[in-house]
């Protein structure tokens, strides 16, 4: 199970990078350069507010999964405990 979590950590990081690319190239930059005021506001919201929250969350979640922060101790089959340092 811990191996699956590490593999999914890579998936979360890749998904974060894909969202960043898609958000900038499709949603953000074309809206900023369109010249319309409505598109400008939408582009600013996408690039400066939503993308940092979404991409940062996915990448941090993936990094924690790769580092083993969600590693479980399997000493008791009835209860799973997280490792505490």
Foldseek 3Di string as FASTA:
>chain_A
DLVVLLVVLVVLLVVLVVCVVCLVPPQAPCLCPVPDPVSNVRNCCSPPPVSCVRSVVSNVSSVCSNVCQQPWDPPDVVDIDGDDD
